Amino acid sequence: MVIGNSLHATDIFNKFKGKDGVFEGKLKQDIRGLMELYEAAQLVTEGEDILDEAAEFSSQIVSNRWKHPYHKSIARFTAKKYIRDFQGINGWGKILKEFAKMDISMAQTVNQQELIQISK
């Protein structure tokens, strides 16, 4: 897809990729941006793999959020994913992240102890 006189979709969408050639995780923070990325990717024409990649990336993230919203999910099972995805908008994000890591660690210890008890 050519945008304007000589600007190609590949040029635009590559700006959202990291050095590893994969769409950057920071895009997960911007739901409006993800929705716009998804909408733009629907204009794919044959041979534009970058738009297929953009559609796959954005639909995976948005679909996962619809299936498992943070405020309705079982925190223990989604905490690791939340820590990975959450960057924190304000300074409190770092503190919250540390508490979540401690909680996961304590839960893992309890789970390991329970497994030892069960296996005896």
Protein backbone atom coordinates (compact mmCIF):
# COMPACT_ATOMS: atom_id res chain seq x y z
CA MET A 1 0.00 0.00 0.00
CA VAL A 2 1.40 3.37 -1.01
CA ILE A 3 0.49 6.34 1.17
CA GLY A 4 0.92 9.74 -0.44
CA ASN A 5 3.42 9.93 -3.27
CA SER A 6 6.16 7.59 -2.11
CA LEU A 7 5.51 6.58 1.50
CA HIS A 8 4.88 2.85 1.90
CA ALA A 9 3.04 1.12 4.73
CA THR A 10 6.16 -0.92 5.39
CA ASP A 11 8.11 2.25 6.18
CA ILE A 12 5.49 3.39 8.68
CA PHE A 13 4.87 0.07 10.42
CA ASN A 14 8.57 -0.77 10.73
CA LYS A 15 8.90 2.24 13.06
CA PHE A 16 6.81 0.29 15.60
CA LYS A 17 9.19 -2.67 15.58
CA GLY A 18 12.17 -3.18 17.84
CA LYS A 19 15.69 -4.09 16.77
CA ASP A 20 14.66 -7.74 16.83
CA GLY A 21 12.09 -7.11 14.09
CA VAL A 22 9.12 -7.76 16.38
CA PHE A 23 6.43 -5.25 17.29
CA GLU A 24 7.46 -3.55 20.52
CA GLY A 25 5.87 -4.48 23.81
CA LYS A 26 5.29 -0.84 24.71
CA LEU A 27 2.45 -0.83 22.18
CA LYS A 28 0.50 -2.99 24.64
CA GLN A 29 0.10 0.03 26.91
CA ASP A 30 -1.86 2.09 24.38
CA ILE A 31 -5.23 0.45 23.77
CA ARG A 32 -6.40 3.22 21.44
CA GLY A 33 -3.16 2.87 19.48
CA LEU A 34 -3.61 -0.90 19.30
CA MET A 35 -7.13 -0.49 17.98
CA GLU A 36 -5.89 1.98 15.36
CA LEU A 37 -3.04 -0.38 14.44
CA TYR A 38 -5.58 -3.17 14.02
CA GLU A 39 -7.86 -0.98 11.88
CA ALA A 40 -4.97 0.17 9.69
CA ALA A 41 -3.77 -3.41 9.28
CA GLN A 42 -7.14 -4.36 7.82
CA LEU A 43 -6.20 -2.44 4.67
CA VAL A 44 -3.73 -5.17 3.78
CA THR A 45 -3.13 -6.04 0.16
CA GLU A 46 -1.33 -9.06 -1.20
CA GLY A 47 2.39 -9.03 -0.56
CA GLU A 48 2.31 -6.71 2.46
CA ASP A 49 3.46 -9.05 5.18
CA ILE A 50 4.01 -6.18 7.61
CA LEU A 51 0.28 -5.46 7.70
CA ASP A 52 -0.45 -9.13 8.33
CA GLU A 53 2.03 -9.03 11.22
CA ALA A 54 0.44 -5.84 12.59
CA ALA A 55 -3.03 -7.39 12.42
CA GLU A 56 -1.86 -10.55 14.18
CA PHE A 57 0.01 -8.66 16.89
CA SER A 58 -2.77 -6.20 17.66
CA SER A 59 -5.60 -8.75 17.52
CA GLN A 60 -3.72 -11.09 19.90
CA ILE A 61 -3.24 -8.35 22.49
CA VAL A 62 -6.76 -6.94 22.26
CA SER A 63 -8.34 -10.41 22.21
CA ASN A 64 -6.39 -11.44 25.31
CA ARG A 65 -7.52 -8.29 27.12
CA TRP A 66 -11.15 -8.99 26.24
CA LYS A 67 -10.91 -12.59 27.45
CA HIS A 68 -8.94 -11.83 30.61
CA PRO A 69 -9.43 -8.25 31.86
CA TYR A 70 -7.10 -7.59 34.77
CA HIS A 71 -9.84 -6.48 37.15
CA LYS A 72 -11.84 -9.70 36.58
CA SER A 73 -9.02 -12.25 36.39
CA ILE A 74 -7.65 -14.46 39.09
CA ALA A 75 -4.68 -12.38 40.15
CA ARG A 76 -2.38 -15.28 40.95
CA PHE A 77 -2.61 -16.66 37.43
CA THR A 78 -2.23 -13.36 35.62
CA ALA A 79 0.27 -11.58 37.87
CA LYS A 80 3.36 -12.58 35.88
CA LYS A 81 1.77 -11.43 32.64
CA TYR A 82 0.67 -8.20 34.30
CA ILE A 83 4.19 -7.52 35.56
CA ARG A 84 5.60 -8.10 32.08
CA ASP A 85 3.01 -5.86 30.37
CA PHE A 86 2.66 -3.09 32.95
CA GLN A 87 5.09 -0.20 32.70
CA GLY A 88 3.32 2.16 35.09
CA ILE A 89 2.26 5.63 34.12
CA ASN A 90 3.08 7.24 37.46
CA GLY A 91 5.87 6.67 39.96
CA TRP A 92 3.74 4.24 41.96
CA GLY A 93 4.01 1.68 39.17
CA LYS A 94 7.48 0.60 40.26
CA ILE A 95 6.34 0.07 43.87
CA LEU A 96 3.28 -1.87 42.72
CA LYS A 97 5.47 -4.02 40.50
CA GLU A 98 7.77 -4.85 43.44
CA PHE A 99 4.79 -5.87 45.58
CA ALA A 100 3.50 -8.07 42.78
CA LYS A 101 6.89 -9.78 42.44
CA MET A 102 6.98 -10.45 46.20
CA ASP A 103 3.44 -11.83 46.09
CA ILE A 104 4.33 -14.20 43.25
CA SER A 105 7.42 -15.36 45.12
CA MET A 106 5.43 -16.07 48.29
CA ALA A 107 2.73 -17.90 46.32
CA GLN A 108 5.35 -20.05 44.60
CA THR A 109 6.88 -20.96 47.97
CA VAL A 110 3.48 -21.97 49.35
CA ASN A 111 2.71 -23.99 46.22
CA GLN A 112 6.06 -25.79 46.44
CA GLN A 113 5.48 -26.62 50.10
CA GLU A 114 2.02 -27.96 49.28
CA LEU A 115 3.44 -30.14 46.51
CA ILE A 116 6.04 -31.55 48.90
CA GLN A 117 3.29 -32.39 51.40
CA ILE A 118 1.13 -34.04 48.74
CA SER A 119 4.00 -36.11 47.31
CA LYS A 120 4.98 -37.61 50.71
